[in-house]
Amino acid sequence: MNALTKDELAQFLDQHRIKPRLKRELRFTPEAITDWEDRDFLTVVNRSNSEGVLVLPGEEYLVVPFALQPRKANASGRTEAIICDFCATWQRGSNSAVISFEKENSTQSFLCCGDLNCSLHVRGKTSASKLSRTQLRENISPQARIGRLQRWLSEKLRQADDSAV
């Protein structure tokens, strides 16, 4: 993904008719992101990490608003581990969340990594990715994991956005 400036992000938010309240609440410091080339998408969240936008590069940038909720503990007080729907990374319950996208009159929800660093997880650049490969006993190449993430993003987000237009 190419590096974005604050002005470019603001332009994308305007083009995709993101609600003014959400635009005001988003925190984006592009200079803090040092690994742009390793990103398949960018997430920009509000101060409480409860809402944000997911930015997908392509011929045209796609900006999709989302809600993010940490997963709740079960009756025994534990939050069970999950496998992220985006990147298929095994995550401890404390680093898992539910991400929801509104599409017209319905909502799509997925289990996801709480940090939304799926691009880095599939490239093996995080401690969570190394633990995940041992938990899942997955022996596919990083390129295959990257391809799987990109296909998922295309199928679930780009196609859903096309059908909503």
Protein backbone atom coordinates (compact mmCIF):
# COMPACT_ATOMS: atom_id res chain seq x y z
CA MET A 1 0.00 0.00 0.00
CA ASN A 2 1.26 3.47 -0.80
CA ALA A 3 1.70 5.91 2.06
CA LEU A 4 -1.28 8.20 2.61
CA THR A 5 -1.27 11.75 3.87
CA LYS A 6 -3.90 13.29 6.14
CA ASP A 7 -5.21 15.31 3.18
CA GLU A 8 -5.56 12.21 0.99
CA LEU A 9 -7.42 10.37 3.73
CA ALA A 10 -9.73 13.38 4.22
CA GLN A 11 -10.44 13.38 0.48
CA PHE A 12 -11.28 9.64 0.51
CA LEU A 13 -13.56 10.12 3.52
CA ASP A 14 -15.45 12.88 1.66
CA GLN A 15 -15.75 10.78 -1.51
CA HIS A 16 -17.23 7.86 0.41
CA ARG A 17 -19.67 9.99 2.41
CA ILE A 18 -18.37 9.01 5.83
CA LYS A 19 -20.48 10.51 8.63
CA PRO A 20 -19.13 13.86 9.88
CA ARG A 21 -19.06 12.68 13.51
CA LEU A 22 -16.88 9.69 12.61
CA LYS A 23 -14.58 11.87 10.47
CA ARG A 24 -14.04 14.22 13.42
CA GLU A 25 -13.25 11.35 15.81
CA LEU A 26 -10.72 9.49 13.65
CA ARG A 27 -7.06 9.55 14.74
CA PHE A 28 -4.56 9.28 11.90
CA THR A 29 -0.82 9.89 12.19
CA PRO A 30 0.73 8.70 8.94
CA GLU A 31 4.27 9.39 10.16
CA ALA A 32 3.81 6.72 12.85
CA ILE A 33 3.31 4.02 10.19
CA THR A 34 6.70 2.73 9.05
CA ASP A 35 5.60 -0.40 7.21
CA TRP A 36 3.36 0.92 4.43
CA GLU A 37 4.70 -1.60 1.88
CA ASP A 38 3.58 -4.48 4.13
CA ARG A 39 -0.03 -3.29 4.41
CA ASP A 40 -2.91 -4.72 2.37
CA PHE A 41 -5.31 -2.30 4.06
CA LEU A 42 -5.20 0.52 6.56
CA THR A 43 -7.41 0.93 9.60
CA VAL A 44 -7.99 4.32 11.16
CA VAL A 45 -9.89 4.27 14.44
CA ASN A 46 -11.36 6.71 16.93
CA ARG A 47 -9.87 7.35 20.35
CA SER A 48 -11.84 4.54 22.02
CA ASN A 49 -11.08 2.01 19.23
CA SER A 50 -14.82 1.37 18.91
CA GLU A 51 -15.32 2.75 15.39
CA GLY A 52 -13.22 3.52 12.37
CA VAL A 53 -12.69 3.12 8.67
CA LEU A 54 -10.91 0.44 6.72
CA VAL A 55 -9.08 1.79 3.64
CA LEU A 56 -8.45 -0.65 0.79
CA PRO A 57 -6.09 0.36 -2.03
CA GLY A 58 -6.82 -0.49 -5.65
CA GLU A 59 -7.66 1.28 -8.87
CA GLU A 60 -9.95 3.32 -6.65
CA TYR A 61 -9.50 3.44 -2.89
CA LEU A 62 -12.39 1.92 -0.99
CA VAL A 63 -13.24 3.33 2.44
CA VAL A 64 -15.53 1.19 4.60
CA PRO A 65 -16.76 2.34 8.02
CA PHE A 66 -16.87 -0.25 10.79
CA ALA A 67 -17.69 -0.81 14.45
CA LEU A 68 -15.27 -2.78 16.61
CA GLN A 69 -16.15 -4.52 19.87
CA PRO A 70 -13.80 -6.50 22.08
CA ARG A 71 -15.13 -9.99 22.72
CA LYS A 72 -16.77 -10.58 26.06
CA ALA A 73 -15.73 -13.16 28.61
CA ASN A 74 -17.80 -16.32 29.04
CA ALA A 75 -19.39 -17.49 32.32
CA SER A 76 -16.02 -18.69 33.64
CA GLY A 77 -14.49 -15.25 33.09
CA ARG A 78 -12.36 -16.25 30.11
CA THR A 79 -12.48 -15.01 26.56
CA GLU A 80 -11.96 -17.91 24.20
CA ALA A 81 -9.32 -17.84 21.48
CA ILE A 82 -10.46 -17.30 17.89
CA ILE A 83 -9.20 -17.65 14.35
CA CYS A 84 -9.41 -14.29 12.57
CA ASP A 85 -11.81 -14.31 9.62
CA PHE A 86 -9.54 -11.84 7.78
CA CYS A 87 -6.12 -13.45 8.06
CA ALA A 88 -6.73 -16.87 9.68
CA THR A 89 -4.41 -15.99 12.56
CA TRP A 90 -5.07 -17.72 15.88
CA GLN A 91 -5.57 -15.03 18.53
CA ARG A 92 -5.86 -15.26 22.29
CA GLY A 93 -9.22 -14.10 23.52
CA SER A 94 -7.73 -10.92 24.99
CA ASN A 95 -6.59 -9.86 21.49
CA SER A 96 -9.77 -10.67 19.61
CA ALA A 97 -12.73 -8.56 18.56
CA VAL A 98 -15.87 -8.52 16.47
CA ILE A 99 -15.85 -6.12 13.52
CA SER A 100 -19.16 -5.09 11.96
CA PHE A 101 -19.85 -3.46 8.60
CA GLU A 102 -23.25 -1.95 7.77
CA LYS A 103 -24.53 -2.71 4.28
CA GLU A 104 -27.78 -0.99 3.43
CA ASN A 105 -30.29 -2.48 5.91
CA SER A 106 -28.11 -5.27 7.27
CA THR A 107 -24.93 -5.74 9.25
CA GLN A 108 -22.10 -8.17 8.52
CA SER A 109 -19.95 -9.17 11.49
CA PHE A 110 -16.68 -11.09 11.57
CA LEU A 111 -14.23 -12.30 14.19
CA CYS A 112 -10.94 -10.45 13.85
CA CYS A 113 -7.61 -9.65 15.42
CA GLY A 114 -8.17 -6.98 18.07
CA ASP A 115 -5.25 -4.93 16.72
CA LEU A 116 -6.40 -5.23 13.06
CA ASN A 117 -2.79 -5.79 12.00
CA CYS A 118 -3.75 -8.70 9.74
CA SER A 119 -1.34 -7.58 7.00
CA LEU A 120 1.58 -7.92 9.40
CA HIS A 121 0.30 -11.21 10.85
CA VAL A 122 0.17 -12.94 7.44
CA ARG A 123 3.72 -11.79 6.74
CA GLY A 124 5.00 -13.31 9.99
CA LYS A 125 6.07 -9.93 11.39
CA THR A 126 4.32 -10.21 14.77
CA SER A 127 4.65 -12.47 17.77
CA ALA A 128 0.97 -13.40 17.35
CA SER A 129 1.68 -14.74 13.87
CA LYS A 130 4.47 -16.99 15.10
CA LEU A 131 2.29 -18.38 17.90
CA SER A 132 -0.58 -18.84 15.47
CA ARG A 133 1.47 -20.97 13.07
CA THR A 134 2.29 -23.37 15.92
CA GLN A 135 -1.29 -23.45 17.23
CA LEU A 136 -2.80 -24.08 13.79
CA ARG A 137 0.09 -26.16 12.46
CA GLU A 138 -0.24 -24.26 9.21
CA ASN A 139 2.63 -24.81 6.80
CA ILE A 140 1.86 -22.51 3.89
CA SER A 141 4.12 -19.79 2.60
CA PRO A 142 3.73 -16.15 3.57
CA GLN A 143 2.85 -15.42 -0.08
CA ALA A 144 -0.03 -17.91 0.11
CA ARG A 145 -1.25 -16.30 3.36
CA ILE A 146 -1.03 -12.83 1.75
CA GLY A 147 -3.01 -14.07 -1.23
CA ARG A 148 -5.65 -15.58 1.06
CA LEU A 149 -6.03 -12.24 2.91
CA GLN A 150 -6.30 -10.28 -0.34
CA ARG A 151 -8.92 -12.70 -1.71
CA TRP A 152 -10.93 -12.41 1.51
CA LEU A 153 -10.84 -8.61 1.38
CA SER A 154 -11.90 -8.66 -2.25
CA GLU A 155 -14.72 -11.15 -1.75
CA LYS A 156 -16.17 -9.79 1.48
CA LEU A 157 -15.59 -6.06 1.27
CA ARG A 158 -15.14 -5.00 -2.35
CA GLN A 159 -17.94 -7.17 -3.74
CA ALA A 160 -20.27 -6.23 -0.90
CA ASP A 161 -19.53 -2.56 -1.56
CA ASP A 162 -20.20 -3.01 -5.30
CA SER A 163 -23.58 -4.62 -4.61
CA ALA A 164 -24.59 -1.79 -2.26
CA VAL A 165 -24.12 0.84 -4.98
